[in-house]
Amino acid sequence: MRLLRRLARRLRDDRGMNTAEYAVGTLAAVAFAGILLKVLTSGQVQAALAAVIQRALK
């Protein structure tokens, strides 16, 4: 009986879920940063940003 209670308590325990959630969130943020970096370093986007800056400085 005591063993069953301990097992049930361990199955209900959700410690560690936060760590998994942080890991998934970190991976998503890194993936988003990688995509953003790839987009911002493309030739078309750099040309568009340069044009906006040039227009702002006139």
Protein backbone atom coordinates (compact mmCIF):
# COMPACT_ATOMS: atom_id res chain seq x y z
CA MET A 1 0.00 0.00 0.00
CA ARG A 2 2.78 2.37 0.93
CA LEU A 3 4.56 1.61 -2.34
CA LEU A 4 1.41 2.38 -4.33
CA ARG A 5 1.03 5.75 -2.59
CA ARG A 6 4.65 6.65 -3.30
CA LEU A 7 4.26 5.63 -6.95
CA ALA A 8 1.05 7.63 -7.32
CA ARG A 9 2.72 10.68 -5.75
CA ARG A 10 5.67 10.41 -8.15
CA LEU A 11 3.38 10.12 -11.16
CA ARG A 12 1.49 13.27 -10.15
CA ASP A 13 4.68 15.23 -9.54
CA ASP A 14 5.35 17.60 -12.44
CA ARG A 15 8.71 18.95 -11.36
CA GLY A 16 10.91 19.12 -14.42
CA MET A 17 8.14 20.28 -16.70
CA ASN A 18 9.48 23.80 -16.39
CA THR A 19 12.87 22.67 -17.59
CA ALA A 20 11.35 21.02 -20.65
CA GLU A 21 9.29 24.12 -21.38
CA TYR A 22 12.36 26.34 -21.10
CA ALA A 23 14.27 24.01 -23.44
CA VAL A 24 11.53 24.15 -26.07
CA GLY A 25 11.26 27.93 -25.72
CA THR A 26 15.02 28.32 -26.05
CA LEU A 27 15.11 26.15 -29.16
CA ALA A 28 12.27 28.15 -30.70
CA ALA A 29 14.05 31.43 -29.94
CA VAL A 30 17.31 30.17 -31.46
CA ALA A 31 15.50 28.95 -34.56
CA PHE A 32 13.72 32.29 -34.93
CA ALA A 33 17.02 34.16 -34.49
CA GLY A 34 18.65 31.99 -37.15
CA ILE A 35 15.86 32.65 -39.62
CA LEU A 36 15.92 36.37 -38.84
CA LEU A 37 19.69 36.47 -39.34
CA LYS A 38 19.38 34.68 -42.67
CA VAL A 39 16.69 37.11 -43.84
CA LEU A 40 18.53 40.23 -42.69
CA THR A 41 21.78 39.19 -44.33
CA SER A 42 20.16 38.51 -47.71
CA GLY A 43 21.05 40.91 -50.50
CA GLN A 44 17.52 42.15 -51.12
CA VAL A 45 16.85 43.02 -47.49
CA GLN A 46 20.24 44.72 -47.11
CA ALA A 47 19.53 46.82 -50.23
CA ALA A 48 16.10 47.77 -48.89
CA LEU A 49 17.54 48.73 -45.49
CA ALA A 50 20.28 50.78 -47.15
CA ALA A 51 17.66 52.59 -49.23
CA VAL A 52 15.60 53.38 -46.12
CA ILE A 53 18.69 54.71 -44.33
CA GLN A 54 19.75 56.77 -47.32
CA ARG A 55 16.26 58.27 -47.57
CA ALA A 56 16.27 59.07 -43.84
CA LEU A 57 19.64 60.82 -44.04
CA LYS A 58 18.63 63.15 -46.89
